[in-house]
Protein backbone atom coordinates (compact mmCIF):
# COMPACT_ATOMS: atom_id res chain seq x y z
CA MET A 1 0.00 0.00 0.00
CA THR A 2 3.07 2.25 0.01
CA GLY A 3 2.34 3.58 -3.48
CA ALA A 4 -1.19 4.51 -2.47
CA VAL A 5 0.05 6.36 0.61
CA CYS A 6 2.55 8.30 -1.52
CA ILE A 7 -0.14 9.32 -4.01
CA MET A 8 -2.41 10.57 -1.24
CA GLU A 9 0.39 12.39 0.57
CA GLU A 10 1.47 14.08 -2.68
CA ALA A 11 -2.10 15.25 -3.33
CA GLN A 12 -2.41 16.51 0.24
CA GLN A 13 0.81 18.49 -0.08
CA LYS A 14 -0.59 20.23 -3.16
CA ALA A 15 -4.05 20.63 -1.67
CA VAL A 16 -5.70 23.81 -0.53
CA PRO A 17 -6.94 23.46 3.11
CA PRO A 18 -10.38 21.75 3.19
CA SER A 19 -12.21 24.77 4.62
CA VAL A 20 -10.77 27.05 1.92
CA LEU A 21 -11.47 24.51 -0.83
CA ALA A 22 -15.09 24.11 0.27
CA SER A 23 -15.53 27.90 0.40
CA GLN A 24 -13.98 28.24 -3.05
CA ALA A 25 -16.32 25.60 -4.46
CA LEU A 26 -19.44 27.29 -3.09
CA GLN A 27 -18.24 30.72 -4.20
CA GLN A 28 -17.45 29.48 -7.70
CA LEU A 29 -20.88 27.87 -7.95
CA ARG A 30 -22.65 30.84 -6.35
CA GLN A 31 -24.67 28.26 -4.45
CA PRO A 32 -25.05 27.62 -0.70
CA SER A 33 -24.42 23.86 -0.85
CA CYS A 34 -22.82 21.27 -3.12
CA ILE A 35 -21.34 17.80 -3.33
CA LEU A 36 -17.54 17.59 -3.33
CA VAL A 37 -15.91 14.54 -4.91
CA ASN A 38 -12.19 14.11 -4.32
CA LEU A 39 -10.76 12.32 -7.36
CA ASP A 40 -7.37 12.18 -5.63
CA ALA A 41 -9.04 9.89 -3.07
CA VAL A 42 -10.44 7.75 -5.92
CA ARG A 43 -6.94 7.41 -7.38
CA HIS A 44 -5.58 6.52 -3.94
CA ASN A 45 -8.27 3.87 -3.46
CA VAL A 46 -7.41 2.23 -6.78
CA GLN A 47 -3.83 1.92 -5.58
CA VAL A 48 -5.05 0.34 -2.33
CA LEU A 49 -7.09 -2.15 -4.36
CA LYS A 50 -4.08 -3.03 -6.50
CA GLY A 51 -2.24 -3.86 -3.30
CA LEU A 52 -5.07 -6.14 -2.16
CA ALA A 53 -5.28 -8.00 -5.49
CA GLY A 54 -3.10 -10.90 -6.53
CA PRO A 55 0.00 -10.20 -8.65
CA ASN A 56 -1.72 -11.36 -11.85
CA THR A 57 -5.20 -10.09 -11.01
CA GLY A 58 -6.81 -7.21 -12.88
CA ILE A 59 -9.48 -4.76 -11.73
CA MET A 60 -13.01 -4.63 -13.09
CA GLY A 61 -14.35 -1.35 -11.72
CA VAL A 62 -18.04 -1.40 -10.78
CA VAL A 63 -19.44 2.06 -11.53
CA LYS A 64 -23.18 1.42 -11.34
CA GLY A 65 -25.51 3.98 -9.81
CA SER A 66 -23.42 6.89 -11.13
CA ALA A 67 -20.32 5.39 -9.49
CA TYR A 68 -22.18 5.00 -6.19
CA GLY A 69 -23.36 8.60 -6.27
CA SER A 70 -20.00 10.18 -7.04
CA GLY A 71 -20.54 10.76 -10.76
CA LEU A 72 -20.00 8.22 -13.51
CA LEU A 73 -17.72 9.90 -16.04
CA PRO A 74 -15.27 11.73 -13.73
CA VAL A 75 -14.70 8.53 -11.72
CA VAL A 76 -14.34 6.38 -14.85
CA GLU A 77 -11.77 8.83 -16.22
CA VAL A 78 -9.58 8.29 -13.14
CA LEU A 79 -10.04 4.50 -13.27
CA LEU A 80 -8.86 4.37 -16.87
CA GLU A 81 -5.91 6.65 -16.08
CA GLU A 82 -4.95 4.18 -13.35
CA GLY A 83 -5.03 1.22 -15.74
CA VAL A 84 -8.32 -0.39 -14.71
CA GLN A 85 -8.89 -2.92 -17.50
CA GLU A 86 -12.66 -3.43 -17.47
CA LEU A 87 -15.83 -1.83 -16.11
CA SER A 88 -19.20 -3.13 -15.03
CA VAL A 89 -22.58 -1.47 -14.60
CA ALA A 90 -26.03 -2.55 -13.45
CA THR A 91 -28.09 -1.71 -16.52
CA VAL A 92 -27.81 -1.70 -20.29
CA GLY A 93 -28.63 2.03 -20.21
CA GLU A 94 -25.57 2.77 -18.07
CA GLY A 95 -23.42 0.81 -20.50
CA ILE A 96 -24.83 2.70 -23.48
CA HIS A 97 -24.11 6.02 -21.74
CA LEU A 98 -20.45 5.04 -21.30
CA ARG A 99 -20.16 3.97 -24.93
CA ARG A 100 -21.63 7.29 -26.07
CA GLN A 101 -18.90 9.01 -24.06
CA ASN A 102 -16.31 7.03 -26.06
CA VAL A 103 -15.38 4.62 -23.26
CA GLN A 104 -13.89 1.67 -25.16
CA VAL A 105 -12.89 -0.89 -22.51
CA PRO A 106 -15.00 -4.05 -22.01
CA ILE A 107 -18.21 -3.29 -20.09
CA THR A 108 -20.14 -6.06 -18.33
CA VAL A 109 -23.80 -5.47 -17.46
CA LEU A 110 -24.42 -7.14 -14.09
CA GLY A 111 -28.22 -7.01 -14.28
CA ASN A 112 -29.83 -10.07 -15.84
CA LEU A 113 -30.45 -9.76 -19.59
CA LEU A 114 -33.97 -9.44 -20.98
CA GLN A 115 -34.86 -10.39 -24.54
CA PHE A 116 -35.76 -6.84 -25.65
CA GLU A 117 -32.30 -5.62 -24.54
CA VAL A 118 -30.37 -7.93 -26.87
CA GLU A 119 -30.42 -5.48 -29.80
CA ASP A 120 -28.93 -2.64 -27.72
CA VAL A 121 -26.33 -4.94 -26.16
CA LEU A 122 -25.12 -5.94 -29.62
CA LYS A 123 -25.25 -2.42 -31.05
CA HIS A 124 -23.13 -0.99 -28.22
CA ASN A 125 -20.73 -3.91 -27.77
CA LEU A 126 -21.72 -4.72 -24.19
CA ILE A 127 -21.23 -7.99 -22.30
CA PRO A 128 -24.56 -9.03 -20.77
CA THR A 129 -25.01 -11.25 -17.75
CA ILE A 130 -26.76 -14.54 -18.46
CA SER A 131 -28.49 -16.69 -15.85
CA TRP A 132 -30.50 -18.59 -18.43
CA ALA A 133 -30.41 -18.78 -22.21
CA SER A 134 -34.02 -17.83 -22.98
CA PRO A 135 -33.30 -14.14 -23.89
CA LEU A 136 -30.95 -15.40 -26.61
CA THR A 137 -32.82 -18.43 -27.94
CA ALA A 138 -35.57 -16.15 -29.26
CA GLU A 139 -33.02 -14.52 -31.60
CA PRO A 140 -31.73 -16.01 -34.88
CA THR A 141 -28.31 -17.50 -34.13
CA ASP A 142 -26.59 -15.62 -36.95
CA SER A 143 -27.85 -12.30 -35.54
CA LEU A 144 -25.97 -12.65 -32.24
CA LYS A 145 -23.00 -10.62 -33.46
CA TYR A 146 -21.53 -7.22 -32.71
CA PRO A 147 -21.26 -4.60 -35.49
CA ASP A 148 -17.69 -5.72 -36.25
CA GLY A 149 -18.94 -9.26 -36.95
CA SER A 150 -17.52 -10.83 -33.78
CA ARG A 151 -19.67 -13.16 -31.72
CA LEU A 152 -21.70 -11.95 -28.75
CA ARG A 153 -19.78 -12.29 -25.48
CA VAL A 154 -21.65 -13.03 -22.27
CA ALA A 155 -20.91 -13.31 -18.56
CA ILE A 156 -22.47 -16.17 -16.60
CA ASN A 157 -23.59 -15.41 -13.06
CA ILE A 158 -23.45 -18.52 -10.89
CA ASP A 159 -25.67 -18.55 -7.79
CA THR A 160 -23.54 -19.87 -4.92
CA GLY A 161 -25.68 -18.44 -2.13
CA MET A 162 -26.97 -14.95 -2.91
CA SER A 163 -30.14 -16.53 -4.33
CA ARG A 164 -31.05 -13.63 -6.59
CA TYR A 165 -29.79 -13.82 -10.18
CA GLY A 166 -27.61 -16.67 -11.30
CA VAL A 167 -27.71 -20.19 -12.65
CA GLN A 168 -27.60 -22.98 -10.08
CA PRO A 169 -24.22 -24.78 -10.14
CA GLN A 170 -25.82 -28.07 -11.16
CA ASP A 171 -27.46 -26.37 -14.16
CA LEU A 172 -24.28 -24.68 -15.39
CA PRO A 173 -23.18 -27.47 -17.81
CA ALA A 174 -26.52 -27.37 -19.64
CA LEU A 175 -26.36 -23.57 -19.93
CA VAL A 176 -22.80 -23.71 -21.29
CA THR A 177 -23.86 -26.30 -23.87
CA THR A 178 -26.79 -24.14 -24.98
CA LEU A 179 -24.58 -21.06 -25.33
CA ASP A 180 -22.02 -23.06 -27.31
CA ASN A 181 -24.79 -24.22 -29.64
CA LEU A 182 -25.86 -20.60 -30.11
CA ASN A 183 -22.28 -19.78 -31.13
CA VAL A 184 -22.01 -17.31 -28.22
CA THR A 185 -18.66 -16.63 -26.54
CA ILE A 186 -18.52 -17.01 -22.76
CA ALA A 187 -16.32 -14.11 -21.67
CA SER A 188 -16.48 -14.67 -17.92
CA MET A 189 -18.03 -16.56 -15.03
CA TYR A 190 -18.63 -14.89 -11.69
CA THR A 191 -20.55 -15.04 -8.44
CA HIS A 192 -21.45 -12.57 -5.71
CA PHE A 193 -20.81 -13.03 -1.99
CA GLN A 194 -23.75 -12.78 0.36
CA ALA A 195 -22.14 -12.34 3.78
CA ALA A 196 -20.74 -9.23 5.46
CA ILE A 197 -17.07 -8.36 6.03
CA ASN A 198 -17.14 -9.91 9.51
CA GLU A 199 -18.42 -13.29 8.23
CA PRO A 200 -15.56 -14.56 6.03
CA GLU A 201 -16.32 -18.26 6.50
CA LYS A 202 -19.62 -17.94 4.63
CA ASN A 203 -17.91 -16.25 1.71
CA LYS A 204 -15.13 -18.85 1.68
CA LYS A 205 -17.81 -21.52 1.31
CA GLN A 206 -19.26 -19.65 -1.68
CA LEU A 207 -15.80 -19.37 -3.21
CA ASP A 208 -15.31 -23.13 -2.88
CA MET A 209 -18.66 -23.76 -4.59
CA PHE A 210 -17.72 -21.37 -7.40
CA LEU A 211 -14.30 -22.94 -7.96
CA GLU A 212 -15.82 -26.42 -8.06
CA ALA A 213 -18.53 -25.36 -10.52
CA THR A 214 -16.10 -23.59 -12.86
CA GLU A 215 -13.24 -26.12 -12.68
CA PRO A 216 -14.29 -27.89 -15.93
CA TYR A 217 -13.97 -24.59 -17.82
CA LYS A 218 -10.55 -23.46 -16.56
CA LEU A 219 -8.88 -24.13 -19.91
CA ARG A 220 -11.37 -21.99 -21.80
CA PRO A 221 -10.32 -18.42 -22.67
CA LEU A 222 -12.64 -16.90 -20.09
CA THR A 223 -12.08 -14.94 -16.89
CA ARG A 224 -13.36 -15.67 -13.39
CA HIS A 225 -14.09 -13.16 -10.64
CA VAL A 226 -15.81 -13.19 -7.26
CA ALA A 227 -14.27 -10.51 -5.03
CA ALA A 228 -16.35 -7.35 -4.81
CA THR A 229 -15.54 -4.78 -2.10
CA THR A 230 -16.17 -7.23 0.75
CA GLY A 231 -14.06 -9.96 -0.83
CA CYS A 232 -11.23 -7.50 -1.45
CA VAL A 233 -11.10 -6.53 2.23
CA GLN A 234 -11.37 -10.16 3.35
CA GLY A 235 -8.77 -11.35 0.82
CA ILE A 236 -11.19 -13.98 -0.50
CA GLY A 237 -10.99 -14.69 -4.22
CA THR A 238 -8.54 -11.86 -4.84
CA ASN A 239 -6.13 -14.09 -6.78
CA LEU A 240 -8.52 -14.93 -9.63
CA ASP A 241 -8.51 -13.08 -12.96
CA PHE A 242 -10.24 -9.95 -11.65
CA ILE A 243 -11.37 -8.27 -8.48
CA ARG A 244 -14.69 -6.44 -8.86
CA PRO A 245 -14.76 -3.51 -6.40
CA GLY A 246 -17.54 -0.93 -6.42
CA GLY A 247 -18.02 1.10 -3.25
CA ALA A 248 -14.34 0.74 -2.35
CA ILE A 249 -13.41 2.85 -5.37
CA THR A 250 -14.98 5.89 -3.75
CA GLY A 251 -13.98 4.85 -0.23
CA LEU A 252 -17.32 3.40 0.88
CA SER A 253 -17.28 0.46 3.28
CA SER A 254 -19.68 -2.35 2.45
CA GLY A 255 -20.73 -2.54 6.12
CA SER A 256 -21.61 0.12 8.69
CA ASP A 257 -20.82 -1.85 11.86
CA GLU A 258 -17.69 -0.83 13.74
CA GLU A 259 -15.74 -3.98 12.91
CA SER A 260 -16.41 -3.74 9.16
CA ALA A 261 -15.71 -0.02 9.00
CA GLY A 262 -12.56 -0.52 11.08
CA LEU A 263 -11.21 -3.21 8.76
CA PHE A 264 -12.01 -1.04 5.78
CA ALA A 265 -10.22 1.97 7.23
CA LYS A 266 -7.26 -0.20 8.25
CA CYS A 267 -6.81 -1.18 4.60
CA GLY A 268 -6.21 2.49 3.86
CA PHE A 269 -9.32 3.48 1.90
CA CYS A 270 -10.27 7.17 1.84
CA PRO A 271 -13.89 8.34 1.37
CA ALA A 272 -14.09 10.56 -1.71
CA LEU A 273 -17.48 12.23 -1.29
CA SER A 274 -18.65 14.96 1.04
CA VAL A 275 -21.62 17.31 1.08
CA VAL A 276 -20.82 20.86 2.17
CA ALA A 277 -23.04 23.84 2.94
CA ARG A 278 -22.76 27.44 4.07
CA PRO A 279 -25.38 28.98 6.40
CA THR A 280 -27.99 31.00 4.54
CA PHE A 281 -29.39 32.58 7.71
CA PHE A 282 -28.62 32.60 11.43
CA LYS A 283 -29.96 34.23 14.57
CA GLN A 284 -29.97 33.96 18.35
CA LEU A 285 -33.22 32.75 19.89
CA PRO A 286 -34.39 33.02 23.51
CA PRO A 287 -35.41 30.02 25.65
CA GLY A 288 -38.69 28.29 24.85
CA ARG A 289 -38.75 28.73 21.08
CA GLY A 290 -39.90 25.75 19.00
CA ILE A 291 -37.79 25.03 15.90
CA GLY A 292 -39.21 23.85 12.58
CA TYR A 293 -42.32 21.86 11.75
CA ASP A 294 -44.23 20.61 14.80
CA ALA A 295 -41.73 22.40 17.09
CA THR A 296 -40.02 19.10 17.89
CA TYR A 297 -37.06 20.96 19.41
CA GLN A 298 -37.35 23.65 22.08
CA THR A 299 -34.53 26.04 22.92
CA THR A 300 -33.52 25.82 26.57
CA SER A 301 -31.34 28.95 26.70
CA ASP A 302 -30.19 31.72 24.40
CA GLU A 303 -29.12 29.62 21.40
CA TRP A 304 -27.52 30.41 18.06
CA ILE A 305 -29.46 28.74 15.23
CA ALA A 306 -28.39 28.52 11.58
CA ASN A 307 -30.03 27.17 8.42
CA LEU A 308 -28.26 25.03 5.82
CA THR A 309 -29.82 24.68 2.37
CA THR A 310 -30.02 20.92 2.04
CA GLY A 311 -32.94 18.72 3.00
CA TRP A 312 -34.72 15.45 2.42
CA SER A 313 -35.43 16.40 -1.21
CA ASP A 314 -31.66 16.40 -1.75
CA GLY A 315 -31.17 13.07 -0.01
CA PHE A 316 -30.64 13.95 3.67
CA SER A 317 -32.95 11.64 5.61
CA ARG A 318 -35.80 13.15 7.62
CA ARG A 319 -35.07 10.47 10.21
CA LEU A 320 -32.01 12.50 11.23
CA SER A 321 -34.27 15.17 12.71
CA ASN A 322 -33.02 15.98 16.25
CA THR A 323 -30.60 13.05 15.90
CA GLY A 324 -27.90 13.85 13.39
CA ALA A 325 -25.15 16.45 13.35
CA VAL A 326 -23.00 18.33 10.86
CA LYS A 327 -19.27 19.02 11.09
CA ARG A 328 -17.75 22.51 11.11
CA VAL A 329 -14.98 22.18 8.53
CA LYS A 330 -12.64 24.76 10.06
CA THR A 331 -12.61 23.26 13.57
CA GLY A 332 -14.00 19.73 13.19
CA GLU A 333 -16.57 20.35 15.93
CA LEU A 334 -20.02 18.76 15.68
CA CYS A 335 -23.14 20.92 15.55
CA PRO A 336 -26.41 19.09 16.25
CA ILE A 337 -29.41 19.17 13.94
CA VAL A 338 -32.35 20.66 15.81
CA GLY A 339 -35.95 20.39 14.67
CA ARG A 340 -37.28 18.58 11.65
CA VAL A 341 -35.21 17.98 8.53
CA SER A 342 -37.29 19.86 5.97
CA MET A 343 -37.63 19.36 2.23
CA ASP A 344 -35.05 22.05 1.46
CA SER A 345 -33.18 22.82 4.67
CA ILE A 346 -31.89 21.71 8.04
CA THR A 347 -31.44 23.78 11.19
CA ILE A 348 -28.35 23.42 13.35
CA ARG A 349 -27.37 24.72 16.79
CA LEU A 350 -24.07 26.60 17.09
CA PRO A 351 -22.03 27.59 20.15
CA GLU A 352 -21.72 31.12 18.73
CA ALA A 353 -22.58 33.10 15.61
CA PRO A 354 -20.96 31.57 12.51
CA ALA A 355 -18.09 33.34 10.80
CA GLU A 356 -18.64 34.69 7.31
CA ASP A 357 -16.51 31.93 5.78
CA ASP A 358 -17.88 29.06 7.91
CA VAL A 359 -18.64 25.89 5.94
CA PHE A 360 -20.19 22.70 7.32
CA GLN A 361 -19.98 19.11 6.14
CA VAL A 362 -23.43 17.54 5.99
CA ILE A 363 -21.70 14.29 4.99
CA SER A 364 -18.02 14.17 5.90
CA ASP A 365 -15.28 12.48 3.88
CA ASP A 366 -14.01 10.33 6.75
CA PHE A 367 -15.23 7.55 9.05
CA ASP A 368 -16.76 9.82 11.72
CA GLU A 369 -19.48 7.98 13.64
CA ASN A 370 -21.81 10.99 13.44
CA THR A 371 -21.32 12.58 10.03
CA SER A 372 -19.71 10.14 7.58
CA ALA A 373 -21.58 7.85 5.20
CA VAL A 374 -20.67 4.94 7.49
CA GLY A 375 -21.78 6.80 10.61
CA LEU A 376 -25.07 7.95 9.11
CA ALA A 377 -25.81 4.46 7.82
CA ARG A 378 -25.25 3.10 11.33
CA ILE A 379 -27.58 5.71 12.86
CA LEU A 380 -30.28 5.06 10.25
CA GLU A 381 -29.77 1.27 10.15
CA ALA A 382 -29.30 1.64 6.40
CA ALA A 383 -26.77 0.52 3.80
CA VAL A 384 -23.64 2.66 3.54
CA TYR A 385 -24.12 2.87 -0.22
CA GLU A 386 -27.52 4.51 0.29
CA MET A 387 -25.94 7.62 1.80
CA PRO A 388 -24.29 9.03 -1.36
CA GLY A 389 -26.59 7.11 -3.69
CA ASN A 390 -29.67 8.95 -2.44
CA TRP A 391 -28.40 12.44 -3.23
CA SER A 392 -30.38 14.09 -6.01
CA THR A 393 -29.16 16.11 -8.97
CA ARG A 394 -30.36 19.36 -7.39
CA LEU A 395 -26.97 19.78 -5.75
CA SER A 396 -24.07 20.59 -8.06
CA ARG A 397 -21.03 18.30 -8.07
CA VAL A 398 -17.55 19.78 -7.74
CA TYR A 399 -14.56 17.56 -8.54
CA ILE A 400 -11.18 17.92 -6.85
CA LYS A 401 -8.08 16.74 -8.69
CA ASN A 402 -4.44 17.33 -7.74
CA GLY A 403 -5.62 19.25 -4.71
CA SER A 404 -7.70 21.87 -6.52
CA ILE A 405 -11.06 22.30 -8.25
CA ALA A 406 -10.92 20.55 -11.63
CA LYS A 407 -14.51 20.16 -12.85
CA VAL A 408 -17.96 21.44 -12.00
CA TYR A 409 -21.25 19.81 -12.97
CA HIS A 410 -24.03 22.26 -12.24
CA SER A 411 -27.27 21.20 -10.59
CA LEU A 412 -30.25 20.02 -12.62
CA ASP A 413 -28.28 19.84 -15.88
CA TYR A 414 -25.88 17.35 -14.23
CA THR A 415 -25.29 14.58 -16.75
CA CYS A 416 -22.17 12.75 -15.60
């Protein structure tokens, strides 16, 4: 992981202080809140993943869901710069979007193929996931070709325990025979682990099932992969042809419990995404004033109250009303959310009037138990990936590269 540490340290040496950078982003946007995505952290995380993979193992970067909320194209650009060989997405539409942006590397669609998607898969040179052959048997065999005349390539998902998509191991030989008869090329075989980071034995059992099922096909020119983010951290299946990380690319742990988050942080991953906001109004209120809808919070003394322009319409859960907190970037202190989280704003309590340049992290780019994606997921009993994935396009995205602002995608017309 030495290389990854060096990359991050070099970026930090070049970087403007976080409070200044956040202020610059908001000033440049002329908006009171935005999403910051640190592409230097993405680059660092790829280096960490390379250190976790086997010496002859490549990386298939999973960038579904707009790269887990961080923005598809800016993240993909960094992955390709770092030598990531292949990508995967959840839907055919995501794959088409990448092709239209001139992304040329192999793209596997992890969602199960439907018959009406076959035409688009062929047109855009995508690798669909197959759990059964029926979407292809409805097509004339000689039509299952890409525009360059090469045969359709597919990925076979083998169900070793997740029990969602995937062919059962005992049915794999029949599926392979059918695909061979259709003159379709099997590009890869993969499975997906079911258990959490702190349950490695369950995932080892799935790996054993996968290796047994795919053993007869080892001499074929196909790749095998099983290790998503959890497998990478556990070191299970990381010596096959590819690892398949998703959330880890942007520094998101696959589990919110302390043990999982601790293991993830110990590996050296750095969260890339934060949500920052500047107060749009503040005032001092006397004791006994009810804050927000239904007056669910009452001031108990003279209290400084400030409003931040981000709410549940942007993706900040209403369940954090009177429970969550935000982080003052300049000092790192926590400021509690008081009253209801509204559609467009939250109200926070401050120890004193905010300074003109005060900026607050609504989601922090660390592992803080109160304000990070991991911490918020733990509070809400939600998935860590929900935290950035829920944020809407109303907030602009600002991308940091080499320690300074590199790209801005404005709200509402955000298309990356």
